[in-house]
Amino acid sequence: MYNNRKIWDVSYPVLLGLLAQNIINVIDTAFLGRVSEVALGASALGGLLYICVLTVAFGFSVGSQILIARRNGEGRYSDIGVIVQQGIIFMFILAVILFFITRFVAPTFIDMVISNKDINQATNEFLSWRMFGFFFSFINAIFRAFFIGITKTKVITMNAIVMALANVVLDYAMIFGHFGFPEWGIKGAAIASVISEALSTLFFLLYTYGYTDFKKYGLKRIKSFDFPLLSRILNISSFTMFQYFLSMSVWFVFFVAIERIGQRELAIANIVRSIYVVLLIPVQALSVTANSLVSNLIGSEGASNVMKLLGKISKMSLLIMVACASVTIIFPKGILSVYTNEIGLINEAIPSLYVISIAMIVASVSNIYFNGISGTGNTKAALILETITLAIYTIYIFVIALYFRSPVSVCFSAEIVYYLLMLICSILYFKKGKWQDKKI
């Protein structure tokens, strides 16, 4: 059974890594918030489309991570390397396929769903450059799965810091035209992010070559494409891939609904979402830890301790989120001023910030239990629960945003509904489901 110290030792490097990664989003939003409301809205929509595609890769990496963690818990270290190798090969092929699909399909799709002409054009410009990041971000996802699965997570922190620092400098140079670069605006933000992801891939390659025990993890054995192994990984990850794609697609629906209300409302939603994502990082880090430790625990025949482990991680997550939500409620203007210096925009965004503060507290517990489901290896059950929850979420969004045209703050109440439903479904699964003997 893992104690609080072990949980934190695994979680905090992931937390710092996620923080550094999301600084990219914060910096992009903060810089573009000082360019125009159009750039701010377009980066939100283009960025979400990019992430929707990226979640397919992330879902595969989660399946790989679960399998790596299980082999790590079983002490079968030499079987891990082949999972990593097959994952990298598959991810590169997937990146090529999805790059060309996005390149040809996205412009038509954007024309169909985004009504504002200026935001439509800027979104197309952003995504046309941002999609080159697939080739690097897909590979990075497998490296993260490897290091999280073997609970060596400090490298993720170092990698993300390198990526974030590169993005800060490149954003400053390419958005505003410094250091000899043209003033590219939203195009510059997209190119800066792609270069930063490429540097992240290079860092992972150099670190793995220099500091990883190739013999222990079976990384020296170069194998051709192993279809039976890939099938085993996909058996776990296919549900996760679809689950994450579905989840992010609904986020995109949320922003499309807000865009139909107005350009100003879209700008507010992007700023508040950026804050929301950053403040949820501790929950995400602990959720990743819950996923990995549950799989490790079951692999070492400790299934009877899973609920105790999830309860312990949930308490840590809840305490951290109560602190974060309190800071947000007490200092809303200070936090919002990072993204914009327009007083009117700040004042209009404050109610939404209060709503997401409540959502974060509910998410602090629901995300832990939900990720615990995937950690058991039963990703099909996680997909079913997510689908039910997201269907209700989508109906709620359409009613309050498109039918009643409610303020942005009321629209964000959908997050509270989503996490409450997720928590109820996850607890019912662990109490009623047969997950203890799931083999992967």
Protein backbone atom coordinates (compact mmCIF):
# COMPACT_ATOMS: atom_id res chain seq x y z
CA MET A 1 0.00 0.00 0.00
CA TYR A 2 1.29 3.44 -0.92
CA ASN A 3 1.64 6.08 1.80
CA ASN A 4 1.13 9.83 1.35
CA ARG A 5 4.85 10.38 0.79
CA LYS A 6 4.98 7.88 -2.08
CA ILE A 7 1.81 9.33 -3.64
CA TRP A 8 3.29 12.83 -3.48
CA ASP A 9 6.71 11.65 -4.76
CA VAL A 10 5.00 10.31 -7.88
CA SER A 11 2.55 13.22 -8.20
CA TYR A 12 4.59 16.36 -7.75
CA PRO A 13 6.90 15.89 -10.76
CA VAL A 14 3.80 15.22 -12.88
CA LEU A 15 2.17 18.32 -11.36
CA LEU A 16 5.18 20.48 -12.18
CA GLY A 17 5.32 18.96 -15.63
CA LEU A 18 1.65 19.69 -16.29
CA LEU A 19 2.12 23.19 -14.92
CA ALA A 20 5.03 23.86 -17.26
CA GLN A 21 3.11 22.40 -20.21
CA ASN A 22 0.03 24.50 -19.50
CA ILE A 23 2.13 27.62 -19.18
CA ILE A 24 2.19 27.35 -22.99
CA ASN A 25 -1.57 27.82 -23.02
CA VAL A 26 -1.39 30.58 -20.40
CA ILE A 27 1.30 32.49 -22.30
CA ASP A 28 -0.52 32.08 -25.63
CA THR A 29 -3.76 33.33 -24.10
CA ALA A 30 -2.07 36.17 -22.18
CA PHE A 31 -0.17 37.39 -25.25
CA LEU A 32 -3.10 37.03 -27.67
CA GLY A 33 -5.38 38.73 -25.13
CA ARG A 34 -3.29 41.81 -25.80
CA VAL A 35 -3.57 41.40 -29.57
CA SER A 36 -7.36 41.30 -30.03
CA GLU A 37 -10.56 39.57 -28.97
CA VAL A 38 -10.62 37.87 -32.39
CA ALA A 39 -7.16 36.35 -31.85
CA LEU A 40 -8.17 35.28 -28.34
CA GLY A 41 -11.34 33.55 -29.54
CA ALA A 42 -9.71 31.96 -32.58
CA SER A 43 -6.84 30.54 -30.53
CA ALA A 44 -9.40 28.96 -28.20
CA LEU A 45 -11.33 27.28 -31.02
CA GLY A 46 -8.24 26.34 -33.07
CA GLY A 47 -6.47 25.11 -29.95
CA LEU A 48 -9.44 22.96 -28.96
CA LEU A 49 -9.62 21.41 -32.44
CA TYR A 50 -5.91 20.60 -32.16
CA ILE A 51 -6.41 19.07 -28.71
CA CYS A 52 -9.42 17.05 -29.95
CA VAL A 53 -7.11 15.30 -32.42
CA LEU A 54 -4.30 15.10 -29.86
CA THR A 55 -6.58 13.31 -27.38
CA VAL A 56 -6.68 10.31 -29.74
CA ALA A 57 -2.92 9.99 -29.22
CA PHE A 58 -3.25 10.74 -25.53
CA GLY A 59 -5.86 7.97 -25.19
CA PHE A 60 -3.46 5.48 -26.78
CA SER A 61 -0.68 6.63 -24.45
CA VAL A 62 -2.93 6.12 -21.41
CA GLY A 63 -3.57 2.53 -22.54
CA SER A 64 0.18 2.05 -22.99
CA GLN A 65 0.80 3.61 -19.57
CA ILE A 66 -1.65 1.24 -17.88
CA LEU A 67 0.08 -1.76 -19.50
CA ILE A 68 3.58 -0.43 -18.64
CA ALA A 69 2.52 0.21 -15.04
CA ARG A 70 1.06 -3.31 -14.76
CA ARG A 71 4.28 -4.89 -16.06
CA ASN A 72 6.26 -2.66 -13.71
CA GLY A 73 4.13 -3.80 -10.76
CA GLU A 74 4.60 -7.43 -11.82
CA GLY A 75 8.37 -6.98 -12.00
CA ARG A 76 8.40 -7.86 -15.73
CA TYR A 77 10.64 -4.90 -16.60
CA SER A 78 12.13 -6.35 -19.78
CA ASP A 79 8.64 -6.48 -21.36
CA ILE A 80 8.24 -2.70 -21.08
CA GLY A 81 10.66 -1.66 -23.83
CA VAL A 82 8.76 -3.38 -26.61
CA ILE A 83 5.54 -1.58 -25.52
CA VAL A 84 7.38 1.75 -25.83
CA GLN A 85 8.88 0.86 -29.23
CA GLN A 86 5.60 -0.33 -30.71
CA GLY A 87 3.89 2.73 -29.29
CA ILE A 88 6.31 5.13 -30.97
CA ILE A 89 5.95 3.39 -34.34
CA PHE A 90 2.16 3.40 -34.10
CA MET A 91 2.04 7.02 -32.94
CA PHE A 92 4.14 8.26 -35.86
CA ILE A 93 1.90 6.48 -38.38
CA LEU A 94 -1.18 7.83 -36.60
CA ALA A 95 0.27 11.37 -36.66
CA VAL A 96 0.79 11.21 -40.43
CA ILE A 97 -2.76 9.96 -41.04
CA LEU A 98 -4.42 12.50 -38.74
CA PHE A 99 -2.28 15.36 -40.09
CA PHE A 100 -3.60 14.87 -43.62
CA ILE A 101 -7.18 14.28 -42.46
CA THR A 102 -7.08 17.50 -40.41
CA ARG A 103 -5.45 19.44 -43.24
CA PHE A 104 -8.21 18.60 -45.72
CA VAL A 105 -11.27 18.35 -43.45
CA ALA A 106 -10.71 21.11 -40.85
CA PRO A 107 -11.24 24.18 -43.13
CA THR A 108 -14.65 22.93 -44.26
CA PHE A 109 -15.62 21.98 -40.72
CA ILE A 110 -14.57 25.40 -39.37
CA ASP A 111 -16.62 27.14 -42.08
CA MET A 112 -19.66 25.09 -41.01
CA VAL A 113 -19.52 25.73 -37.25
CA ILE A 114 -17.99 29.21 -36.76
CA SER A 115 -20.33 32.00 -37.79
CA ASN A 116 -18.10 35.04 -37.20
CA LYS A 117 -16.08 35.67 -40.39
CA ASP A 118 -13.01 37.19 -38.67
CA ILE A 119 -12.82 34.43 -36.03
CA ASN A 120 -13.36 31.83 -38.76
CA GLN A 121 -10.40 33.11 -40.79
CA ALA A 122 -8.10 33.45 -37.77
CA THR A 123 -8.98 29.93 -36.56
CA ASN A 124 -8.07 28.48 -39.95
CA GLU A 125 -4.77 30.38 -39.93
CA PHE A 126 -3.89 29.17 -36.42
CA LEU A 127 -4.74 25.52 -37.07
CA SER A 128 -2.97 25.38 -40.46
CA TRP A 129 0.34 25.88 -38.60
CA ARG A 130 -0.52 24.27 -35.27
CA MET A 131 -1.26 20.85 -36.80
CA PHE A 132 2.45 20.30 -37.56
CA GLY A 133 2.79 19.70 -33.82
CA PHE A 134 1.13 16.27 -34.23
CA PHE A 135 4.44 14.73 -35.30
CA PHE A 136 6.09 15.71 -32.02
CA SER A 137 3.25 15.72 -29.47
CA PHE A 138 2.19 12.17 -30.39
CA ILE A 139 5.71 10.82 -29.74
CA ASN A 140 5.98 12.86 -26.52
CA ALA A 141 2.82 11.17 -25.22
CA ILE A 142 4.50 7.75 -25.37
CA PHE A 143 7.61 8.98 -23.56
CA ARG A 144 5.41 10.39 -20.78
CA ALA A 145 3.50 7.09 -20.57
CA PHE A 146 6.80 5.24 -20.15
CA PHE A 147 8.19 7.42 -17.38
CA ILE A 148 4.86 7.68 -15.52
CA GLY A 149 4.30 3.92 -15.84
CA ILE A 150 7.65 3.12 -14.20
CA THR A 151 7.03 5.97 -11.66
CA LYS A 152 10.16 7.90 -12.77
CA THR A 153 8.32 11.15 -13.25
CA LYS A 154 10.97 13.80 -12.52
CA VAL A 155 12.11 13.75 -16.15
CA ILE A 156 8.61 14.90 -17.17
CA THR A 157 9.08 18.02 -15.08
CA MET A 158 12.46 18.79 -16.62
CA ASN A 159 11.13 18.20 -20.11
CA ALA A 160 8.08 20.41 -19.64
CA ILE A 161 10.16 23.25 -18.17
CA VAL A 162 12.38 23.21 -21.27
CA MET A 163 9.29 23.24 -23.51
CA ALA A 164 7.60 26.04 -21.55
CA LEU A 165 10.67 28.30 -21.47
CA ALA A 166 11.17 27.84 -25.20
CA ASN A 167 7.52 28.70 -25.82
CA VAL A 168 7.65 31.86 -23.71
CA VAL A 169 10.62 33.21 -25.65
CA LEU A 170 9.28 32.15 -29.04
CA ASP A 171 5.78 33.53 -28.34
CA TYR A 172 7.25 36.89 -27.36
CA ALA A 173 9.39 36.93 -30.50
CA MET A 174 6.89 35.64 -33.04
CA ILE A 175 3.59 37.15 -31.86
CA PHE A 176 4.90 40.71 -31.39
CA GLY A 177 7.85 40.69 -33.81
CA HIS A 178 10.94 40.80 -31.57
CA PHE A 179 14.51 39.48 -32.06
CA GLY A 180 14.31 40.02 -35.81
CA PHE A 181 11.08 38.04 -36.35
CA PRO A 182 8.08 39.47 -38.23
CA GLU A 183 4.98 40.38 -36.18
CA TRP A 184 3.00 37.21 -36.94
CA GLY A 185 0.26 37.48 -34.28
CA ILE A 186 -1.84 34.32 -33.99
CA LYS A 187 0.28 32.54 -36.61
CA GLY A 188 3.35 33.20 -34.46
CA ALA A 189 1.67 31.58 -31.43
CA ALA A 190 1.01 28.42 -33.44
CA ILE A 191 4.55 28.18 -34.85
CA ALA A 192 6.10 28.84 -31.42
CA SER A 193 4.10 25.96 -29.92
CA VAL A 194 5.17 23.55 -32.66
CA ILE A 195 8.87 24.39 -32.23
CA SER A 196 8.52 24.00 -28.45
CA GLU A 197 7.02 20.52 -28.89
CA ALA A 198 9.86 19.57 -31.23
CA LEU A 199 12.38 20.60 -28.56
CA SER A 200 10.42 18.49 -26.07
CA THR A 201 10.81 15.42 -28.29
CA LEU A 202 14.55 16.05 -28.64
CA PHE A 203 14.89 16.34 -24.85
CA PHE A 204 13.09 13.01 -24.28
CA LEU A 205 15.31 11.25 -26.83
CA LEU A 206 18.53 12.59 -25.32
CA TYR A 207 17.46 11.86 -21.73
CA THR A 208 16.29 8.33 -22.53
CA TYR A 209 19.54 7.56 -24.33
CA GLY A 210 21.73 9.03 -21.60
CA TYR A 211 19.97 8.10 -18.33
CA THR A 212 17.71 5.08 -18.88
CA ASP A 213 18.71 1.45 -18.25
CA PHE A 214 18.15 0.01 -21.74
CA LYS A 215 18.91 -3.55 -20.62
CA LYS A 216 16.53 -3.53 -17.63
CA TYR A 217 13.57 -2.26 -19.64
CA GLY A 218 14.27 -4.25 -22.79
CA LEU A 219 14.90 -1.18 -24.90
CA LYS A 220 17.91 -2.76 -26.64
CA ARG A 221 15.76 -5.31 -28.38
CA ILE A 222 14.62 -3.76 -31.63
CA LYS A 223 11.55 -5.57 -32.90
CA SER A 224 9.59 -5.26 -36.10
CA PHE A 225 5.95 -4.26 -35.93
CA ASP A 226 4.33 -6.56 -33.38
CA PHE A 227 0.63 -6.80 -34.30
CA PRO A 228 -0.39 -9.07 -31.39
CA LEU A 229 1.15 -6.61 -28.88
CA LEU A 230 -0.37 -3.62 -30.66
CA SER A 231 -3.72 -5.39 -30.56
CA ARG A 232 -3.33 -5.89 -26.79
CA ILE A 233 -2.51 -2.19 -26.28
CA LEU A 234 -5.44 -1.14 -28.48
CA ASN A 235 -7.73 -3.49 -26.57
CA ILE A 236 -7.10 -1.27 -23.54
CA SER A 237 -6.53 2.09 -25.20
CA SER A 238 -9.15 2.13 -27.99
CA PHE A 239 -11.87 2.91 -25.46
CA THR A 240 -9.65 5.54 -23.81
CA MET A 241 -8.82 7.09 -27.19
CA PHE A 242 -12.49 7.49 -28.01
CA GLN A 243 -13.30 8.61 -24.47
CA TYR A 244 -10.78 11.48 -24.50
CA PHE A 245 -11.73 12.48 -28.04
CA LEU A 246 -15.39 12.58 -27.02
CA SER A 247 -14.58 14.60 -23.90
CA MET A 248 -12.61 17.28 -25.78
CA SER A 249 -15.12 17.36 -28.63
CA VAL A 250 -17.81 18.33 -26.13
CA TRP A 251 -15.51 21.14 -24.90
CA PHE A 252 -15.36 22.32 -28.50
CA VAL A 253 -19.18 22.20 -28.66
CA PHE A 254 -19.23 24.36 -25.53
CA PHE A 255 -17.05 27.02 -27.20
CA VAL A 256 -19.01 26.89 -30.47
CA ALA A 257 -22.18 27.51 -28.45
CA ILE A 258 -20.54 30.46 -26.69
CA GLU A 259 -19.33 31.85 -30.04
CA ARG A 260 -22.96 31.94 -31.20
CA ILE A 261 -23.79 34.14 -28.20
CA GLY A 262 -21.07 36.69 -29.04
CA GLN A 263 -17.41 37.54 -29.64
CA ARG A 264 -17.06 39.13 -26.21
CA GLU A 265 -18.50 36.07 -24.49
CA LEU A 266 -16.07 33.83 -26.41
CA ALA A 267 -13.11 35.92 -25.22
CA ILE A 268 -14.33 35.63 -21.61
CA ALA A 269 -14.80 31.87 -21.96
CA ASN A 270 -11.26 31.44 -23.32
CA ILE A 271 -9.68 33.41 -20.47
CA VAL A 272 -11.69 31.60 -17.80
CA ARG A 273 -11.00 28.19 -19.37
CA SER A 274 -7.27 28.94 -19.38
CA ILE A 275 -7.39 29.73 -15.64
CA TYR A 276 -9.58 26.66 -15.06
CA VAL A 277 -7.13 24.32 -16.81
CA VAL A 278 -4.16 25.67 -14.85
CA LEU A 279 -5.92 25.47 -11.47
CA LEU A 280 -7.00 21.89 -12.21
CA ILE A 281 -3.37 20.79 -12.73
CA PRO A 282 -2.98 19.39 -9.16
CA VAL A 283 -6.11 17.30 -9.74
CA GLN A 284 -4.80 16.10 -13.11
CA ALA A 285 -1.44 15.17 -11.59
CA LEU A 286 -3.05 13.22 -8.77
CA SER A 287 -5.45 11.59 -11.27
CA VAL A 288 -2.50 10.40 -13.39
CA THR A 289 -0.90 9.10 -10.19
CA ALA A 290 -4.12 7.30 -9.19
CA ASN A 291 -4.29 5.66 -12.63
CA SER A 292 -0.68 4.43 -12.48
CA LEU A 293 -0.65 3.38 -8.81
CA VAL A 294 -3.95 1.48 -9.10
CA SER A 295 -2.52 -0.49 -12.03
CA ASN A 296 0.75 -1.10 -10.14
CA LEU A 297 -1.19 -2.13 -7.02
CA ILE A 298 -3.37 -4.65 -8.88
CA GLY A 299 -0.25 -5.98 -10.66
CA SER A 300 1.37 -6.68 -7.27
CA GLU A 301 -1.82 -8.42 -6.03
CA GLY A 302 -3.00 -5.53 -3.89
CA ALA A 303 -6.52 -5.08 -5.34
CA SER A 304 -8.05 -5.11 -1.85
CA ASN A 305 -6.28 -1.80 -1.09
CA VAL A 306 -7.46 0.08 -4.19
CA MET A 307 -10.41 1.86 -2.53
CA LYS A 308 -8.24 2.88 0.42
CA LEU A 309 -5.65 4.27 -2.01
CA LEU A 310 -8.26 6.25 -3.98
CA GLY A 311 -9.71 7.66 -0.75
CA LYS A 312 -6.28 8.80 0.37
CA ILE A 313 -5.50 10.49 -2.97
CA SER A 314 -8.96 12.11 -3.04
CA LYS A 315 -8.40 13.74 0.36
CA MET A 316 -5.09 15.21 -0.84
CA SER A 317 -6.74 16.46 -4.02
CA LEU A 318 -9.69 18.01 -2.17
CA LEU A 319 -7.48 19.94 0.28
CA ILE A 320 -5.36 21.37 -2.54
CA MET A 321 -8.39 22.40 -4.59
CA VAL A 322 -10.12 24.09 -1.65
CA ALA A 323 -6.96 26.20 -1.25
CA CYS A 324 -6.82 27.02 -5.00
CA ALA A 325 -10.53 27.88 -5.15
CA SER A 326 -10.18 30.15 -2.11
CA VAL A 327 -7.37 32.12 -3.75
CA THR A 328 -9.44 32.45 -6.94
CA ILE A 329 -12.48 33.75 -5.07
CA ILE A 330 -10.46 36.21 -2.95
CA PHE A 331 -8.26 37.61 -5.77
CA PRO A 332 -10.27 37.31 -9.01
CA LYS A 333 -9.13 40.61 -10.56
CA GLY A 334 -5.46 39.90 -9.91
CA ILE A 335 -5.71 36.51 -11.63
CA LEU A 336 -7.71 37.82 -14.61
CA SER A 337 -5.31 40.74 -15.13
CA VAL A 338 -2.63 38.23 -16.19
CA TYR A 339 -4.67 37.67 -19.35
CA THR A 340 -6.01 41.11 -20.16
CA ASN A 341 -5.64 44.72 -19.03
CA GLU A 342 -9.18 45.67 -20.15
CA ILE A 343 -11.17 46.49 -16.98
CA GLY A 344 -14.55 45.80 -18.57
CA LEU A 345 -13.50 42.32 -19.70
CA ILE A 346 -12.09 41.54 -16.24
CA ASN A 347 -15.29 42.59 -14.46
CA GLU A 348 -17.47 40.57 -16.83
CA ALA A 349 -15.32 37.45 -16.35
CA ILE A 350 -15.45 37.43 -12.51
CA PRO A 351 -18.84 35.60 -12.16
CA SER A 352 -17.56 32.78 -14.40
CA LEU A 353 -14.45 32.51 -12.24
CA TYR A 354 -16.62 31.99 -9.16
CA VAL A 355 -18.57 29.22 -10.90
CA ILE A 356 -15.47 27.29 -12.00
CA SER A 357 -14.11 27.55 -8.45
CA ILE A 358 -17.06 25.43 -7.30
CA ALA A 359 -16.54 23.04 -10.24
CA MET A 360 -12.88 22.55 -9.27
CA ILE A 361 -13.80 21.38 -5.77
CA VAL A 362 -16.18 18.73 -7.14
CA ALA A 363 -13.60 17.75 -9.80
CA SER A 364 -10.94 17.22 -7.12
CA VAL A 365 -12.68 14.03 -5.98
CA SER A 366 -14.54 12.88 -9.12
CA ASN A 367 -11.41 12.88 -11.33
CA ILE A 368 -9.50 10.66 -8.89
CA TYR A 369 -12.16 7.95 -8.77
CA PHE A 370 -12.83 8.15 -12.50
CA ASN A 371 -9.14 7.71 -13.38
CA GLY A 372 -9.02 4.85 -10.91
CA ILE A 373 -11.47 3.01 -13.20
CA SER A 374 -9.01 3.21 -16.10
CA GLY A 375 -6.25 2.09 -13.73
CA THR A 376 -8.11 -1.20 -13.19
CA GLY A 377 -7.74 -1.81 -16.93
CA ASN A 378 -11.49 -1.61 -17.57
CA THR A 379 -11.33 1.26 -20.04
CA LYS A 380 -14.58 0.11 -21.68
CA ALA A 381 -16.48 0.84 -18.46
CA ALA A 382 -14.78 4.26 -18.25
CA LEU A 383 -15.89 5.03 -21.82
CA ILE A 384 -19.50 4.03 -21.11
CA LEU A 385 -19.64 6.18 -17.96
CA GLU A 386 -18.03 9.13 -19.77
CA THR A 387 -20.44 8.83 -22.71
CA ILE A 388 -23.49 8.90 -20.44
CA THR A 389 -22.13 11.90 -18.52
CA LEU A 390 -21.16 13.84 -21.66
CA ALA A 391 -24.54 13.23 -23.30
CA ILE A 392 -26.26 14.92 -20.35
CA TYR A 393 -23.60 17.68 -20.36
CA THR A 394 -24.19 18.39 -24.07
CA ILE A 395 -27.96 18.60 -23.68
CA TYR A 396 -27.48 20.96 -20.74
CA ILE A 397 -25.16 23.21 -22.81
CA PHE A 398 -27.55 23.38 -25.77
CA VAL A 399 -30.46 24.31 -23.51
CA ILE A 400 -28.78 27.03 -21.44
CA ALA A 401 -26.48 28.46 -24.14
CA LEU A 402 -28.37 28.19 -27.42
CA TYR A 403 -31.99 28.08 -26.25
CA PHE A 404 -31.92 30.44 -23.26
CA ARG A 405 -28.73 32.32 -24.38
CA SER A 406 -27.63 32.49 -20.74
CA PRO A 407 -24.60 34.48 -19.51
CA VAL A 408 -21.21 32.77 -19.73
CA SER A 409 -21.13 32.21 -15.97
CA VAL A 410 -24.37 30.20 -16.14
CA CYS A 411 -23.00 28.20 -19.07
CA PHE A 412 -19.95 27.24 -16.98
CA SER A 413 -22.31 25.65 -14.44
CA ALA A 414 -22.30 22.72 -16.87
CA GLU A 415 -18.90 21.81 -15.40
CA ILE A 416 -20.46 21.32 -11.96
CA VAL A 417 -23.15 19.09 -13.45
CA TYR A 418 -20.51 17.09 -15.36
CA TYR A 419 -18.27 16.39 -12.37
CA LEU A 420 -21.16 15.53 -10.05
CA LEU A 421 -22.45 12.95 -12.52
CA MET A 422 -18.92 11.57 -13.02
CA LEU A 423 -18.41 11.19 -9.27
CA ILE A 424 -21.72 9.36 -8.76
CA CYS A 425 -21.07 6.98 -11.68
CA SER A 426 -17.48 6.25 -10.57
CA ILE A 427 -18.42 5.42 -6.98
CA LEU A 428 -21.24 3.16 -8.18
CA TYR A 429 -18.76 1.34 -10.43
CA PHE A 430 -16.32 0.62 -7.61
CA LYS A 431 -19.12 -0.52 -5.31
CA LYS A 432 -21.06 -2.63 -7.81
CA GLY A 433 -18.64 -3.46 -10.67
CA LYS A 434 -16.40 -6.54 -11.03
CA TRP A 435 -12.99 -4.96 -11.47
CA GLN A 436 -10.72 -6.74 -8.96
CA ASP A 437 -9.58 -9.54 -11.30
CA LYS A 438 -9.35 -7.64 -14.59
CA LYS A 439 -6.44 -9.09 -16.62
CA ILE A 440 -4.53 -7.07 -19.19
